[in-house]
Amino acid sequence: LLKVDAQGMEALVLEGGRLTIERDLPVLYMEYESQSRDLYNVVRSLGPYECYHHAPFIYTKDNFRQEKHDIFPNMRSFNIYCVARPDSIVPDWLAGNNLENFALPEIKAEGAR
């Protein structure tokens, strides 16, 4: 598993790890901050990756610190989950969000919607 959250520089991280990623085909989980398909296209250039959109709410009631106050109402984190190996698992709840057939949501300055 390679998890990347590089504040908009995810594609550069992937390019830096290109040889390792092409060789090992790890599961990739990355944040994205744009409607652009540029990051998706970089991933697809690394191998036979299938990518899925994942947009969990930033706040959850079942959080680590048991914080009750939601300072991020209705805000989501936008991510892509990518698999290339035949033995990789795609959860059922994520399978319907394949980026081949999915329009990326608009991301606004005041928060992801």
Foldseek 3Di string as FASTA:
>chain_A
DAEDEDPACVLVVCVVCLVVCLVPVDKYKYFHQAQDCVSVVSVVVSAPKWKWKDWDQPDDCPDPVNDPDDPRPPATTIMMIIGHDPPDDDDPVTVVGTPVPHRDAGADPVGGD
